[in-house]
Amino acid sequence: MAAGSGEFTDPTAEVLTDAAAAFGLLASPARLHIVWTLAQGESDVSGLAQRVGGALPATSQHLAKLKLAGLVGSRREGRRQIYYVDDQDIVAVVQLMMRQLRRAVDQSPERLLSSVGA
């Protein structure tokens, strides 16, 4: 389809800014791992910290940033704060990216490593 026709219209500056901010948050391996983990089920901060291998304070800070951006949500359950993915579309993007990268590594691990400067 030609640019600007049908469903392929250019996004607004605001949408581009919001998308860049969301991708920026997900550019952190720790935050990406948190979103990946929460996509599989709800968890409290201590369970997440244990699963992603991060310190409790760092995991809590990552969760605060993801929550502020609207990528995760939380609810109180007694004394615990339970976190969950608040945006299923973000989960779909993350899963798609992971599948693509796994496929690329399976096909040519050297090519992927050289393309990221490793």
Protein backbone atom coordinates (compact mmCIF):
# COMPACT_ATOMS: atom_id res chain seq x y z
CA MET A 1 0.00 0.00 0.00
CA ALA A 2 1.14 3.52 -0.66
CA ALA A 3 2.15 5.70 2.27
CA GLY A 4 -0.73 7.71 3.68
CA SER A 5 -3.46 5.51 2.20
CA GLY A 6 -5.92 3.25 3.96
CA GLU A 7 -4.84 1.92 7.34
CA PHE A 8 -1.20 2.93 6.88
CA THR A 9 -1.37 6.55 7.91
CA ASP A 10 1.54 8.25 9.62
CA PRO A 11 1.31 8.29 13.41
CA THR A 12 1.09 11.59 15.21
CA ALA A 13 4.14 13.05 16.94
CA GLU A 14 2.53 12.22 20.28
CA VAL A 15 2.09 8.56 19.35
CA LEU A 16 5.69 8.36 18.12
CA THR A 17 6.92 9.92 21.36
CA ASP A 18 4.87 7.50 23.47
CA ALA A 19 6.06 4.51 21.43
CA ALA A 20 9.70 5.59 21.75
CA ALA A 21 9.26 5.95 25.52
CA ALA A 22 7.72 2.46 25.79
CA PHE A 23 10.49 0.92 23.68
CA GLY A 24 13.02 2.83 25.78
CA LEU A 25 11.64 1.28 28.95
CA LEU A 26 11.74 -2.16 27.36
CA ALA A 27 15.35 -1.61 26.22
CA SER A 28 16.46 -2.60 29.74
CA PRO A 29 17.07 -6.35 29.99
CA ALA A 30 15.77 -6.36 33.57
CA ARG A 31 12.51 -4.58 32.68
CA LEU A 32 12.05 -6.74 29.61
CA HIS A 33 12.50 -9.83 31.77
CA ILE A 34 9.96 -8.48 34.28
CA VAL A 35 7.37 -7.91 31.54
CA TRP A 36 8.11 -11.36 30.10
CA THR A 37 7.66 -12.93 33.53
CA LEU A 38 4.45 -11.03 34.32
CA ALA A 39 3.04 -12.06 30.95
CA GLN A 40 3.09 -15.60 32.33
CA GLY A 41 1.25 -14.69 35.52
CA GLU A 42 0.89 -12.23 38.36
CA SER A 43 3.56 -11.89 41.03
CA ASP A 44 4.66 -9.83 43.98
CA VAL A 45 7.97 -7.96 43.96
CA SER A 46 9.90 -10.58 45.93
CA GLY A 47 8.79 -13.36 43.56
CA LEU A 48 9.77 -11.25 40.57
CA ALA A 49 13.14 -10.35 42.05
CA GLN A 50 13.88 -14.01 42.64
CA ARG A 51 12.75 -15.07 39.17
CA VAL A 52 14.62 -12.35 37.24
CA GLY A 53 17.70 -12.53 39.45
CA GLY A 54 17.56 -8.92 40.60
CA ALA A 55 17.87 -7.25 43.96
CA LEU A 56 14.55 -6.42 45.61
CA PRO A 57 15.08 -2.61 45.57
CA ALA A 58 16.13 -2.62 41.90
CA THR A 59 13.18 -4.80 40.90
CA SER A 60 10.86 -2.48 42.80
CA GLN A 61 12.27 0.55 40.96
CA HIS A 62 11.85 -1.17 37.59
CA LEU A 63 8.25 -2.00 38.48
CA ALA A 64 7.57 1.61 39.45
CA LYS A 65 8.80 2.82 36.05
CA LEU A 66 6.80 0.18 34.17
CA LYS A 67 3.71 1.01 36.21
CA LEU A 68 4.10 4.76 35.64
CA ALA A 69 4.28 4.08 31.89
CA GLY A 70 1.12 1.97 32.05
CA LEU A 71 2.86 -1.24 30.99
CA VAL A 72 2.11 -3.05 34.26
CA GLY A 73 -0.54 -2.61 36.91
CA SER A 74 -0.85 -3.64 40.50
CA ARG A 75 -3.40 -4.43 43.14
CA ARG A 76 -3.19 -4.86 46.88
CA GLU A 77 -3.69 -8.32 48.31
CA GLY A 78 -3.43 -8.05 52.08
CA ARG A 79 -0.02 -6.57 52.79
CA ARG A 80 1.40 -7.53 49.39
CA GLN A 81 1.31 -5.61 46.13
CA ILE A 82 0.57 -7.97 43.23
CA TYR A 83 1.82 -6.93 39.78
CA TYR A 84 0.42 -7.94 36.40
CA VAL A 85 0.75 -6.93 32.76
CA ASP A 86 -1.66 -4.11 32.11
CA ASP A 87 -1.25 -3.98 28.33
CA GLN A 88 -1.66 -7.24 26.39
CA ASP A 89 -0.56 -5.54 23.16
CA ILE A 90 2.86 -4.87 24.72
CA VAL A 91 3.06 -8.56 25.65
CA ALA A 92 2.35 -9.46 22.02
CA VAL A 93 5.15 -7.15 20.82
CA VAL A 94 7.62 -8.57 23.36
CA GLN A 95 6.70 -12.15 22.46
CA LEU A 96 7.04 -11.43 18.75
CA MET A 97 10.47 -9.85 19.26
CA MET A 98 11.67 -12.79 21.35
CA ARG A 99 10.48 -15.31 18.76
CA GLN A 100 12.21 -13.38 15.98
CA LEU A 101 15.46 -13.12 17.91
CA ARG A 102 15.40 -16.80 18.85
CA ARG A 103 14.83 -17.68 15.20
CA ALA A 104 17.71 -15.41 14.13
CA VAL A 105 20.06 -16.95 16.70
CA ASP A 106 19.04 -20.48 15.68
CA GLN A 107 19.71 -19.70 12.03
CA SER A 108 22.93 -17.73 12.41
CA PRO A 109 24.23 -16.92 15.90
CA GLU A 110 27.36 -15.26 14.50
CA ARG A 111 25.35 -12.85 12.36
CA LEU A 112 23.22 -11.69 15.29
CA LEU A 113 26.22 -11.15 17.53
CA SER A 114 28.12 -9.20 14.87
CA SER A 115 25.09 -7.01 14.16
CA VAL A 116 24.89 -5.88 17.80
CA GLY A 117 28.61 -5.26 18.10
CA ALA A 118 29.41 -8.12 20.47
